[in-house]
Amino acid sequence: MTKPKIYITSRSFGQHCKEAIELIESVAEVERNPYGRALNERELLKVVEDVEGLIVGGDKIDRKIIEHSKKLKIIARHGIGVDNIDLKAAIDKSIIVTFAPHVNADSVADFTMGLILTLARHIHQAHISMSQGKWESTKFIGFEICGKTIGIIGLGEIGYKVAKRAGGFDMRVLYWSRRRKTNIEEELGIQYVSFETLLKESDFITAHMALTDETHGMIGEKEFDLMKKTAYLINTARGPIVEEKALYEALKDGKIAGAAVDVYLKEPPGSDNPLLKLDNVVKTPHIAAYTIEAIRRMDMVNAEDIVRFFKGQKPIYIANPETLQKNR
């Protein structure tokens, strides 16, 4: 019996977890992206002509790609967000989409706290100065984060872990989320406030929500006007949550003190992106979730669900359960 064919576009899948590749190979033939980059539309259109499964990274899987597929049955998102996949098109085509929720929460929470410390203590700027052969100790006087207020937008798994870590630094923790979570408030001693209050009172504002129509552009000019001039914004969630032009203007005009940006409206950002030119921004290339541990967990979640599917079992982490109801 011929095995189904799985194509892996994600560059990191299986690189640190050979067990995941071996698991998939037990039920399917595996081919992977040879380019060391995300596939473009032309390449994806060719790939989906003869595969039953995809494991995708940040590649854009839109309706055109999905409708062009002939045998595609399952798409596994190598990540926690599925905003790069047209779920409605997948439902229409009876294709199941799986993902890997929660697996990178510790990694992103660690990274967020690292960015906060970097901003507060000018670590990135001091490093550059030393690399240039300078010794400018008094130029990089920072401030303690102990006693400062952190505002967490979105109290999902990542937001929760950031709140837990911030408590260890004796920070005052505010949060706003679509759903109030009184049990976590009691557990961690954190405070639920309105979105406007969070923006006004926080020294550090950190975004941890999924990209949806509701959250797209939710931090823009009006929101920056509410923030303290001494405030810092951290975005490790999704680029479009923050209006980049408004962020640039707020940083350039001194509306806020600085920012740390791991995600962008366009990835990779163009060399002409003005944020890349500012000294009061820590810029990283979407690496908050990139730890060996998180990638291994992500690999195994994807691999196990693909094996379940091709063995006729129900995958655990399904992003479009409507497909199952349609296929009954």
C-alpha atoms as a PDB file:
ATOM      1  CA  MET A   1       0.000   0.000   0.000  1.00  0.00           C
ATOM      2  CA  THR A   2       1.402   3.411  -1.012  1.00  0.00           C
ATOM      3  CA  LYS A   3       2.061   5.773   1.864  1.00  0.00           C
ATOM      4  CA  PRO A   4       0.624   9.299   1.765  1.00  0.00           C
ATOM      5  CA  LYS A   5       3.069  12.107   1.048  1.00  0.00           C
ATOM      6  CA  ILE A   6       3.806  14.833   3.622  1.00  0.00           C
ATOM      7  CA  TYR A   7       5.628  18.032   2.649  1.00  0.00           C
ATOM      8  CA  ILE A   8       7.355  20.066   5.367  1.00  0.00           C
ATOM      9  CA  THR A   9       7.743  23.773   4.609  1.00  0.00           C
ATOM     10  CA  SER A  10       8.808  24.696   8.166  1.00  0.00           C
ATOM     11  CA  ARG A  11      12.563  25.167   8.312  1.00  0.00           C
ATOM     12  CA  SER A  12      12.899  24.256  11.983  1.00  0.00           C
ATOM     13  CA  PHE A  13      10.646  21.183  12.080  1.00  0.00           C
ATOM     14  CA  GLY A  14      12.644  18.061  12.922  1.00  0.00           C
ATOM     15  CA  GLN A  15      15.970  19.887  13.117  1.00  0.00           C
ATOM     16  CA  HIS A  16      16.236  19.250  16.859  1.00  0.00           C
ATOM     17  CA  CYS A  17      13.867  16.312  17.198  1.00  0.00           C
ATOM     18  CA  LYS A  18      14.574  13.411  14.869  1.00  0.00           C
ATOM     19  CA  GLU A  19      11.908  11.423  16.736  1.00  0.00           C
ATOM     20  CA  ALA A  20       9.227  13.625  15.148  1.00  0.00           C
ATOM     21  CA  ILE A  21      10.513  12.905  11.629  1.00  0.00           C
ATOM     22  CA  GLU A  22      10.762   9.190  12.388  1.00  0.00           C
ATOM     23  CA  LEU A  23       7.216   9.193  13.727  1.00  0.00           C
ATOM     24  CA  ILE A  24       5.819  10.781  10.575  1.00  0.00           C
ATOM     25  CA  GLU A  25       7.894   8.463   8.374  1.00  0.00           C
ATOM     26  CA  SER A  26       6.157   5.529  10.034  1.00  0.00           C
ATOM     27  CA  VAL A  27       2.937   6.495   8.228  1.00  0.00           C
ATOM     28  CA  ALA A  28       4.027   8.705   5.320  1.00  0.00           C
ATOM     29  CA  GLU A  29       6.700   9.636   2.811  1.00  0.00           C
ATOM     30  CA  VAL A  30       8.384  12.876   3.789  1.00  0.00           C
ATOM     31  CA  GLU A  31       9.759  15.646   1.600  1.00  0.00           C
ATOM     32  CA  ARG A  32      10.927  18.985   2.925  1.00  0.00           C
ATOM     33  CA  ASN A  33      11.593  22.561   1.941  1.00  0.00           C
ATOM     34  CA  PRO A  34      15.142  22.723   0.485  1.00  0.00           C
ATOM     35  CA  TYR A  35      15.384  26.516   0.268  1.00  0.00           C
ATOM     36  CA  GLY A  36      16.061  27.638   3.850  1.00  0.00           C
ATOM     37  CA  ARG A  37      13.245  30.212   3.606  1.00  0.00           C
ATOM     38  CA  ALA A  38       9.466  30.398   3.464  1.00  0.00           C
ATOM     39  CA  LEU A  39       8.033  29.146   0.178  1.00  0.00           C
ATOM     40  CA  ASN A  40       6.519  31.657  -2.224  1.00  0.00           C
ATOM     41  CA  GLU A  41       3.119  31.276  -3.855  1.00  0.00           C
ATOM     42  CA  ARG A  42       4.446  29.655  -7.028  1.00  0.00           C
ATOM     43  CA  GLU A  43       6.380  27.051  -5.048  1.00  0.00           C
ATOM     44  CA  LEU A  44       3.425  26.314  -2.762  1.00  0.00           C
ATOM     45  CA  LEU A  45       1.067  25.884  -5.710  1.00  0.00           C
ATOM     46  CA  LYS A  46       3.409  23.257  -7.131  1.00  0.00           C
ATOM     47  CA  VAL A  47       3.828  21.491  -3.773  1.00  0.00           C
ATOM     48  CA  VAL A  48       0.112  21.102  -3.026  1.00  0.00           C
ATOM     49  CA  GLU A  49      -0.609  19.385  -6.325  1.00  0.00           C
ATOM     50  CA  ASP A  50       0.394  15.943  -5.069  1.00  0.00           C
ATOM     51  CA  VAL A  51       0.616  15.895  -1.259  1.00  0.00           C
ATOM     52  CA  GLU A  52      -1.861  14.651   1.326  1.00  0.00           C
ATOM     53  CA  GLY A  53      -0.350  16.598   4.207  1.00  0.00           C
ATOM     54  CA  LEU A  54       1.536  19.832   4.903  1.00  0.00           C
ATOM     55  CA  ILE A  55       3.549  20.924   7.912  1.00  0.00           C
ATOM     56  CA  VAL A  56       3.879  24.686   7.569  1.00  0.00           C
ATOM     57  CA  GLY A  57       5.747  27.432   9.342  1.00  0.00           C
ATOM     58  CA  GLY A  58       4.947  31.046   8.546  1.00  0.00           C
ATOM     59  CA  ASP A  59       4.138  30.298   4.883  1.00  0.00           C
ATOM     60  CA  LYS A  60       0.898  31.950   3.750  1.00  0.00           C
ATOM     61  CA  ILE A  61      -1.627  29.233   2.974  1.00  0.00           C
ATOM     62  CA  ASP A  62      -4.480  31.212   1.451  1.00  0.00           C
ATOM     63  CA  ARG A  63      -7.603  30.179  -0.443  1.00  0.00           C
ATOM     64  CA  LYS A  64      -5.767  30.065  -3.782  1.00  0.00           C
ATOM     65  CA  ILE A  65      -3.241  27.552  -2.416  1.00  0.00           C
ATOM     66  CA  ILE A  66      -5.892  25.447  -0.719  1.00  0.00           C
ATOM     67  CA  GLU A  67      -8.249  25.337  -3.695  1.00  0.00           C
ATOM     68  CA  HIS A  68      -5.355  24.380  -5.981  1.00  0.00           C
ATOM     69  CA  SER A  69      -4.637  21.269  -3.904  1.00  0.00           C
ATOM     70  CA  LYS A  70      -5.837  17.966  -5.288  1.00  0.00           C
ATOM     71  CA  LYS A  71      -5.234  15.426  -2.509  1.00  0.00           C
ATOM     72  CA  LEU A  72      -4.530  17.602   0.538  1.00  0.00           C
ATOM     73  CA  LYS A  73      -6.274  16.320   3.679  1.00  0.00           C
ATOM     74  CA  ILE A  74      -4.415  17.885   6.617  1.00  0.00           C
ATOM     75  CA  ILE A  75      -2.345  21.003   7.308  1.00  0.00           C
ATOM     76  CA  ALA A  76      -0.305  21.058  10.520  1.00  0.00           C
ATOM     77  CA  ARG A  77       0.781  24.529  11.635  1.00  0.00           C
ATOM     78  CA  HIS A  78       4.228  24.368  13.214  1.00  0.00           C
ATOM     79  CA  GLY A  79       3.328  27.042  15.744  1.00  0.00           C
ATOM     80  CA  ILE A  80       0.616  28.225  18.095  1.00  0.00           C
ATOM     81  CA  GLY A  81      -1.132  30.664  15.720  1.00  0.00           C
ATOM     82  CA  VAL A  82      -3.016  29.868  12.533  1.00  0.00           C
ATOM     83  CA  ASP A  83      -3.496  33.411  11.212  1.00  0.00           C
ATOM     84  CA  ASN A  84      -1.420  32.538   8.108  1.00  0.00           C
ATOM     85  CA  ILE A  85      -3.875  29.793   7.107  1.00  0.00           C
ATOM     86  CA  ASP A  86      -7.311  30.442   5.577  1.00  0.00           C
ATOM     87  CA  LEU A  87      -9.389  28.270   7.890  1.00  0.00           C
ATOM     88  CA  LYS A  88     -12.635  28.963   6.026  1.00  0.00           C
ATOM     89  CA  ALA A  89     -11.079  27.787   2.757  1.00  0.00           C
ATOM     90  CA  ALA A  90      -9.796  24.672   4.527  1.00  0.00           C
ATOM     91  CA  ILE A  91     -13.288  23.933   5.875  1.00  0.00           C
ATOM     92  CA  ASP A  92     -14.794  24.412   2.411  1.00  0.00           C
ATOM     93  CA  LYS A  93     -12.261  21.942   1.012  1.00  0.00           C
ATOM     94  CA  SER A  94     -12.742  19.500   3.963  1.00  0.00           C
ATOM     95  CA  ILE A  95      -9.101  19.876   5.053  1.00  0.00           C
ATOM     96  CA  ILE A  96      -8.274  19.577   8.750  1.00  0.00           C
ATOM     97  CA  VAL A  97      -5.909  22.180  10.218  1.00  0.00           C
ATOM     98  CA  THR A  98      -3.997  21.304  13.374  1.00  0.00           C
ATOM     99  CA  PHE A  99      -1.663  23.448  15.464  1.00  0.00           C
ATOM    100  CA  ALA A 100       0.481  23.320  18.612  1.00  0.00           C
ATOM    101  CA  PRO A 101      -1.035  25.473  21.361  1.00  0.00           C
ATOM    102  CA  HIS A 102       0.780  26.307  24.607  1.00  0.00           C
ATOM    103  CA  VAL A 103       4.032  24.539  23.682  1.00  0.00           C
ATOM    104  CA  ASN A 104       6.097  27.746  23.545  1.00  0.00           C
ATOM    105  CA  ALA A 105       4.550  29.584  26.501  1.00  0.00           C
ATOM    106  CA  ASP A 106       7.574  29.240  28.783  1.00  0.00           C
ATOM    107  CA  SER A 107       9.963  30.250  26.016  1.00  0.00           C
ATOM    108  CA  VAL A 108       8.004  33.380  25.071  1.00  0.00           C
ATOM    109  CA  ALA A 109       7.507  34.347  28.722  1.00  0.00           C
ATOM    110  CA  ASP A 110      11.250  34.011  29.378  1.00  0.00           C
ATOM    111  CA  PHE A 111      12.017  36.080  26.288  1.00  0.00           C
ATOM    112  CA  THR A 112       9.546  38.783  27.293  1.00  0.00           C
ATOM    113  CA  MET A 113      11.197  39.211  30.678  1.00  0.00           C
ATOM    114  CA  GLY A 114      14.579  39.283  28.938  1.00  0.00           C
ATOM    115  CA  LEU A 115      13.391  42.126  26.716  1.00  0.00           C
ATOM    116  CA  ILE A 116      12.077  44.044  29.723  1.00  0.00           C
ATOM    117  CA  LEU A 117      15.442  43.735  31.462  1.00  0.00           C
ATOM    118  CA  THR A 118      17.241  44.721  28.267  1.00  0.00           C
ATOM    119  CA  LEU A 119      15.142  47.864  27.934  1.00  0.00           C
ATOM    120  CA  ALA A 120      15.438  48.834  31.590  1.00  0.00           C
ATOM    121  CA  ARG A 121      19.211  48.364  31.750  1.00  0.00           C
ATOM    122  CA  HIS A 122      20.196  49.330  28.170  1.00  0.00           C
ATOM    123  CA  ILE A 123      21.941  45.981  27.768  1.00  0.00           C
ATOM    124  CA  HIS A 124      21.728  45.998  23.965  1.00  0.00           C
ATOM    125  CA  GLN A 125      23.211  49.468  23.681  1.00  0.00           C
ATOM    126  CA  ALA A 126      25.986  48.704  26.162  1.00  0.00           C
ATOM    127  CA  HIS A 127      26.873  45.571  24.199  1.00  0.00           C
ATOM    128  CA  ILE A 128      27.162  47.543  20.950  1.00  0.00           C
ATOM    129  CA  SER A 129      29.281  50.181  22.675  1.00  0.00           C
ATOM    130  CA  MET A 130      31.683  47.586  24.044  1.00  0.00           C
ATOM    131  CA  SER A 131      31.892  45.873  20.643  1.00  0.00           C
ATOM    132  CA  GLN A 132      33.040  49.222  19.253  1.00  0.00           C
ATOM    133  CA  GLY A 133      35.888  49.308  21.781  1.00  0.00           C
ATOM    134  CA  LYS A 134      34.285  51.896  24.047  1.00  0.00           C
ATOM    135  CA  TRP A 135      33.945  52.041  27.835  1.00  0.00           C
ATOM    136  CA  GLU A 136      30.903  54.190  28.623  1.00  0.00           C
ATOM    137  CA  SER A 137      29.692  53.000  32.010  1.00  0.00           C
ATOM    138  CA  THR A 138      27.860  56.158  33.038  1.00  0.00           C
ATOM    139  CA  LYS A 139      26.091  56.448  29.685  1.00  0.00           C
ATOM    140  CA  PHE A 140      23.991  53.365  30.382  1.00  0.00           C
ATOM    141  CA  ILE A 141      22.441  54.093  33.760  1.00  0.00           C
ATOM    142  CA  GLY A 142      19.171  52.198  33.838  1.00  0.00           C
ATOM    143  CA  PHE A 143      16.463  51.567  36.403  1.00  0.00           C
ATOM    144  CA  GLU A 144      15.151  48.679  38.490  1.00  0.00           C
ATOM    145  CA  ILE A 145      12.058  46.812  37.370  1.00  0.00           C
ATOM    146  CA  CYS A 146      11.267  45.881  40.972  1.00  0.00           C
ATOM    147  CA  GLY A 147       8.207  47.883  41.996  1.00  0.00           C
ATOM    148  CA  LYS A 148       7.361  48.944  38.446  1.00  0.00           C
ATOM    149  CA  THR A 149       3.974  48.228  36.848  1.00  0.00           C
ATOM    150  CA  ILE A 150       3.639  45.746  34.021  1.00  0.00           C
ATOM    151  CA  GLY A 151       0.456  45.681  31.933  1.00  0.00           C
ATOM    152  CA  ILE A 152      -0.267  42.369  30.233  1.00  0.00           C
ATOM    153  CA  ILE A 153      -2.684  42.438  27.294  1.00  0.00           C
ATOM    154  CA  GLY A 154      -4.142  38.959  26.962  1.00  0.00           C
ATOM    155  CA  LEU A 155      -3.998  36.465  29.836  1.00  0.00           C
ATOM    156  CA  GLY A 156      -3.773  33.217  27.945  1.00  0.00           C
ATOM    157  CA  GLU A 157      -1.058  30.672  28.667  1.00  0.00           C
ATOM    158  CA  ILE A 158       1.783  33.036  27.728  1.00  0.00           C
ATOM    159  CA  GLY A 159       0.287  36.040  29.522  1.00  0.00           C
ATOM    160  CA  TYR A 160      -0.208  33.906  32.617  1.00  0.00           C
ATOM    161  CA  LYS A 161       3.420  32.807  32.624  1.00  0.00           C
ATOM    162  CA  VAL A 162       4.625  36.394  32.108  1.00  0.00           C
ATOM    163  CA  ALA A 163       2.501  37.458  35.090  1.00  0.00           C
ATOM    164  CA  LYS A 164       4.013  34.681  37.190  1.00  0.00           C
ATOM    165  CA  ARG A 165       7.549  35.696  36.288  1.00  0.00           C
ATOM    166  CA  ALA A 166       6.841  39.402  36.816  1.00  0.00           C
ATOM    167  CA  GLY A 167       5.649  38.602  40.321  1.00  0.00           C
ATOM    168  CA  GLY A 168       9.059  37.098  40.994  1.00  0.00           C
ATOM    169  CA  PHE A 169      10.556  40.503  40.213  1.00  0.00           C
ATOM    170  CA  ASP A 170       8.150  42.136  42.692  1.00  0.00           C
ATOM    171  CA  MET A 171       6.391  44.029  39.916  1.00  0.00           C
ATOM    172  CA  ARG A 172       2.828  45.288  40.170  1.00  0.00           C
ATOM    173  CA  VAL A 173       0.915  43.254  37.602  1.00  0.00           C
ATOM    174  CA  LEU A 174      -2.131  44.590  35.743  1.00  0.00           C
ATOM    175  CA  TYR A 175      -3.899  42.704  33.013  1.00  0.00           C
ATOM    176  CA  TRP A 176      -6.675  43.120  30.502  1.00  0.00           C
ATOM    177  CA  SER A 177      -8.206  40.198  28.673  1.00  0.00           C
ATOM    178  CA  ARG A 178     -11.445  39.432  26.870  1.00  0.00           C
ATOM    179  CA  ARG A 179     -12.364  37.242  29.814  1.00  0.00           C
ATOM    180  CA  ARG A 180     -11.631  38.139  33.411  1.00  0.00           C
ATOM    181  CA  LYS A 181      -9.872  35.315  35.287  1.00  0.00           C
ATOM    182  CA  THR A 182     -10.530  35.758  38.992  1.00  0.00           C
ATOM    183  CA  ASN A 183      -8.920  32.429  39.885  1.00  0.00           C
ATOM    184  CA  ILE A 184      -5.593  33.615  38.442  1.00  0.00           C
ATOM    185  CA  GLU A 185      -5.985  37.000  40.130  1.00  0.00           C
ATOM    186  CA  GLU A 186      -6.212  35.193  43.464  1.00  0.00           C
ATOM    187  CA  GLU A 187      -3.382  32.791  42.633  1.00  0.00           C
ATOM    188  CA  LEU A 188      -0.874  35.424  41.484  1.00  0.00           C
ATOM    189  CA  GLY A 189      -2.082  38.581  43.207  1.00  0.00           C
ATOM    190  CA  ILE A 190      -2.644  40.418  39.938  1.00  0.00           C
ATOM    191  CA  GLN A 191      -5.275  43.039  39.085  1.00  0.00           C
ATOM    192  CA  TYR A 192      -7.814  43.134  36.264  1.00  0.00           C
ATOM    193  CA  VAL A 193      -8.288  46.637  34.809  1.00  0.00           C
ATOM    194  CA  SER A 194      -9.804  48.231  31.733  1.00  0.00           C
ATOM    195  CA  PHE A 195      -7.679  48.435  28.596  1.00  0.00           C
ATOM    196  CA  GLU A 196      -7.482  52.218  28.961  1.00  0.00           C
ATOM    197  CA  THR A 197      -6.360  52.009  32.602  1.00  0.00           C
ATOM    198  CA  LEU A 198      -3.687  49.466  31.700  1.00  0.00           C
ATOM    199  CA  LEU A 199      -2.284  51.789  29.034  1.00  0.00           C
ATOM    200  CA  LYS A 200      -2.282  54.786  31.374  1.00  0.00           C
ATOM    201  CA  GLU A 201      -0.701  53.150  34.415  1.00  0.00           C
ATOM    202  CA  SER A 202       1.834  50.644  33.074  1.00  0.00           C
ATOM    203  CA  ASP A 203       5.583  51.162  32.871  1.00  0.00           C
ATOM    204  CA  PHE A 204       5.861  48.122  30.597  1.00  0.00           C
ATOM    205  CA  ILE A 205       3.062  47.051  28.272  1.00  0.00           C
ATOM    206  CA  THR A 206       3.363  43.599  26.762  1.00  0.00           C
ATOM    207  CA  ALA A 207       1.055  42.050  24.155  1.00  0.00           C
ATOM    208  CA  HIS A 208       0.105  38.373  24.332  1.00  0.00           C
ATOM    209  CA  MET A 209      -2.983  37.746  22.238  1.00  0.00           C
ATOM    210  CA  ALA A 210      -3.823  36.000  18.989  1.00  0.00           C
ATOM    211  CA  LEU A 211      -4.178  38.013  15.803  1.00  0.00           C
ATOM    212  CA  THR A 212      -7.871  38.341  14.943  1.00  0.00           C
ATOM    213  CA  ASP A 213     -10.067  40.934  13.272  1.00  0.00           C
ATOM    214  CA  GLU A 214     -10.685  42.322  16.762  1.00  0.00           C
ATOM    215  CA  THR A 215      -7.010  42.613  17.738  1.00  0.00           C
ATOM    216  CA  HIS A 216      -5.683  43.817  14.372  1.00  0.00           C
ATOM    217  CA  GLY A 217      -4.330  47.333  14.904  1.00  0.00           C
ATOM    218  CA  MET A 218      -5.595  47.487  18.487  1.00  0.00           C
ATOM    219  CA  ILE A 219      -2.561  49.541  19.564  1.00  0.00           C
ATOM    220  CA  GLY A 220      -2.338  52.693  17.485  1.00  0.00           C
ATOM    221  CA  GLU A 221      -2.027  56.454  17.788  1.00  0.00           C
ATOM    222  CA  LYS A 222      -4.894  56.819  20.267  1.00  0.00           C
ATOM    223  CA  GLU A 223      -3.440  54.132  22.524  1.00  0.00           C
ATOM    224  CA  PHE A 224       0.079  55.613  22.443  1.00  0.00           C
ATOM    225  CA  ASP A 225      -1.387  58.964  23.486  1.00  0.00           C
ATOM    226  CA  LEU A 226      -2.661  57.301  26.667  1.00  0.00           C
ATOM    227  CA  MET A 227       0.696  55.799  27.669  1.00  0.00           C
ATOM    228  CA  LYS A 228       3.266  57.338  29.990  1.00  0.00           C
ATOM    229  CA  LYS A 229       6.195  59.086  28.324  1.00  0.00           C
ATOM    230  CA  THR A 230       8.382  56.717  30.341  1.00  0.00           C
ATOM    231  CA  ALA A 231       6.535  53.601  29.163  1.00  0.00           C
ATOM    232  CA  TYR A 232       7.933  50.757  27.063  1.00  0.00           C
ATOM    233  CA  LEU A 233       5.972  48.530  24.671  1.00  0.00           C
ATOM    234  CA  ILE A 234       6.910  44.889  24.086  1.00  0.00           C
ATOM    235  CA  ASN A 235       5.373  42.915  21.217  1.00  0.00           C
ATOM    236  CA  THR A 236       6.166  39.212  20.916  1.00  0.00           C
ATOM    237  CA  ALA A 237       2.662  38.289  19.711  1.00  0.00           C
ATOM    238  CA  ARG A 238       1.911  39.310  16.117  1.00  0.00           C
ATOM    239  CA  GLY A 239       3.096  42.351  14.165  1.00  0.00           C
ATOM    240  CA  PRO A 240      -0.294  43.613  12.926  1.00  0.00           C
ATOM    241  CA  ILE A 241      -1.586  43.963  16.504  1.00  0.00           C
ATOM    242  CA  VAL A 242       0.452  47.188  16.679  1.00  0.00           C
ATOM    243  CA  GLU A 243       0.193  49.868  14.011  1.00  0.00           C
ATOM    244  CA  GLU A 244       3.845  50.174  12.965  1.00  0.00           C
ATOM    245  CA  LYS A 245       3.574  53.729  11.654  1.00  0.00           C
ATOM    246  CA  ALA A 246       1.960  54.885  14.900  1.00  0.00           C
ATOM    247  CA  LEU A 247       4.645  53.069  16.916  1.00  0.00           C
ATOM    248  CA  TYR A 248       7.406  54.722  14.919  1.00  0.00           C
ATOM    249  CA  GLU A 249       5.870  58.172  15.413  1.00  0.00           C
ATOM    250  CA  ALA A 250       5.377  57.561  19.144  1.00  0.00           C
ATOM    251  CA  LEU A 251       9.017  56.526  19.548  1.00  0.00           C
ATOM    252  CA  LYS A 252      10.387  59.314  17.354  1.00  0.00           C
ATOM    253  CA  ASP A 253       8.318  62.005  19.062  1.00  0.00           C
ATOM    254  CA  GLY A 254       8.996  60.799  22.605  1.00  0.00           C
ATOM    255  CA  LYS A 255       5.411  59.780  23.370  1.00  0.00           C
ATOM    256  CA  ILE A 256       6.876  56.612  24.896  1.00  0.00           C
ATOM    257  CA  ALA A 257      10.413  55.823  26.023  1.00  0.00           C
ATOM    258  CA  GLY A 258      11.096  52.745  23.930  1.00  0.00           C
ATOM    259  CA  ALA A 259       9.962  49.403  22.597  1.00  0.00           C
ATOM    260  CA  ALA A 260      11.042  45.840  22.000  1.00  0.00           C
ATOM    261  CA  VAL A 261       9.749  44.315  18.775  1.00  0.00           C
ATOM    262  CA  ASP A 262      10.044  40.642  17.826  1.00  0.00           C
ATOM    263  CA  VAL A 263       7.240  40.601  15.233  1.00  0.00           C
ATOM    264  CA  TYR A 264       6.466  42.856  12.288  1.00  0.00           C
ATOM    265  CA  LEU A 265       3.716  43.821   9.878  1.00  0.00           C
ATOM    266  CA  LYS A 266       5.790  42.245   7.107  1.00  0.00           C
ATOM    267  CA  GLU A 267       8.280  39.477   7.866  1.00  0.00           C
ATOM    268  CA  PRO A 268      11.091  39.826   7.269  1.00  0.00           C
ATOM    269  CA  PRO A 269      10.733  43.610   7.409  1.00  0.00           C
ATOM    270  CA  GLY A 270      12.215  45.577   4.543  1.00  0.00           C
ATOM    271  CA  SER A 271      15.507  47.396   5.056  1.00  0.00           C
ATOM    272  CA  ASP A 272      13.539  50.624   4.723  1.00  0.00           C
ATOM    273  CA  ASN A 273      11.401  49.877   7.796  1.00  0.00           C
ATOM    274  CA  PRO A 274      11.943  52.991   9.958  1.00  0.00           C
ATOM    275  CA  LEU A 275      11.787  51.011  13.210  1.00  0.00           C
ATOM    276  CA  LEU A 276      15.120  49.420  12.307  1.00  0.00           C
ATOM    277  CA  LYS A 277      16.798  52.834  12.414  1.00  0.00           C
ATOM    278  CA  LEU A 278      15.711  53.835  15.933  1.00  0.00           C
ATOM    279  CA  ASP A 279      18.078  53.470  18.885  1.00  0.00           C
ATOM    280  CA  ASN A 280      15.293  53.183  21.449  1.00  0.00           C
ATOM    281  CA  VAL A 281      13.961  49.951  19.954  1.00  0.00           C
ATOM    282  CA  VAL A 282      15.259  46.451  20.615  1.00  0.00           C
ATOM    283  CA  LYS A 283      14.748  44.530  17.373  1.00  0.00           C
ATOM    284  CA  THR A 284      14.765  40.718  17.137  1.00  0.00           C
ATOM    285  CA  PRO A 285      13.810  38.433  14.201  1.00  0.00           C
ATOM    286  CA  HIS A 286      10.684  36.643  15.543  1.00  0.00           C
ATOM    287  CA  ILE A 287      12.665  34.396  17.894  1.00  0.00           C
ATOM    288  CA  ALA A 288      10.650  34.564  21.134  1.00  0.00           C
ATOM    289  CA  ALA A 289       9.524  30.949  20.737  1.00  0.00           C
ATOM    290  CA  TYR A 290      12.847  29.674  19.409  1.00  0.00           C
ATOM    291  CA  THR A 291      14.218  27.420  22.101  1.00  0.00           C
ATOM    292  CA  ILE A 292      15.253  23.796  21.727  1.00  0.00           C
ATOM    293  CA  GLU A 293      12.604  22.753  24.241  1.00  0.00           C
ATOM    294  CA  ALA A 294       9.719  24.617  22.597  1.00  0.00           C
ATOM    295  CA  ILE A 295      10.602  23.457  19.087  1.00  0.00           C
ATOM    296  CA  ARG A 296      10.859  19.828  20.226  1.00  0.00           C
ATOM    297  CA  ARG A 297       7.447  20.041  21.897  1.00  0.00           C
ATOM    298  CA  MET A 298       5.990  21.675  18.791  1.00  0.00           C
ATOM    299  CA  ASP A 299       7.495  18.989  16.541  1.00  0.00           C
ATOM    300  CA  MET A 300       6.008  16.166  18.581  1.00  0.00           C
ATOM    301  CA  VAL A 301       2.544  17.730  18.849  1.00  0.00           C
ATOM    302  CA  ASN A 302       2.426  18.137  15.048  1.00  0.00           C
ATOM    303  CA  ALA A 303       3.846  14.670  14.373  1.00  0.00           C
ATOM    304  CA  GLU A 304       1.537  12.875  16.796  1.00  0.00           C
ATOM    305  CA  ASP A 305      -1.571  14.538  15.361  1.00  0.00           C
ATOM    306  CA  ILE A 306      -0.535  13.697  11.793  1.00  0.00           C
ATOM    307  CA  VAL A 307       0.008  10.057  12.765  1.00  0.00           C
ATOM    308  CA  ARG A 308      -3.369   9.975  14.492  1.00  0.00           C
ATOM    309  CA  PHE A 309      -5.024  11.365  11.364  1.00  0.00           C
ATOM    310  CA  PHE A 310      -3.479   8.902   8.938  1.00  0.00           C
ATOM    311  CA  LYS A 311      -4.291   6.023  11.293  1.00  0.00           C
ATOM    312  CA  GLY A 312      -7.941   7.035  11.131  1.00  0.00           C
ATOM    313  CA  GLN A 313      -8.002   8.647  14.577  1.00  0.00           C
ATOM    314  CA  LYS A 314      -9.079  12.139  15.564  1.00  0.00           C
ATOM    315  CA  PRO A 315      -6.221  14.643  15.988  1.00  0.00           C
ATOM    316  CA  ILE A 316      -6.174  16.383  19.376  1.00  0.00           C
ATOM    317  CA  TYR A 317      -5.320  19.965  18.436  1.00  0.00           C
ATOM    318  CA  ILE A 318      -7.720  20.953  15.648  1.00  0.00           C
ATOM    319  CA  ALA A 319      -8.055  24.622  14.686  1.00  0.00           C
ATOM    320  CA  ASN A 320     -11.117  24.142  12.451  1.00  0.00           C
ATOM    321  CA  PRO A 321     -13.345  21.512  14.108  1.00  0.00           C
ATOM    322  CA  GLU A 322     -16.135  22.448  11.682  1.00  0.00           C
ATOM    323  CA  THR A 323     -14.351  20.260   9.138  1.00  0.00           C
ATOM    324  CA  LEU A 324     -15.019  17.184  11.258  1.00  0.00           C
ATOM    325  CA  GLN A 325     -18.719  18.006  11.470  1.00  0.00           C
ATOM    326  CA  LYS A 326     -18.844  18.560   7.729  1.00  0.00           C
ATOM    327  CA  ASN A 327     -17.162  15.203   7.033  1.00  0.00           C
ATOM    328  CA  ARG A 328     -19.566  13.171   9.163  1.00  0.00           C
END
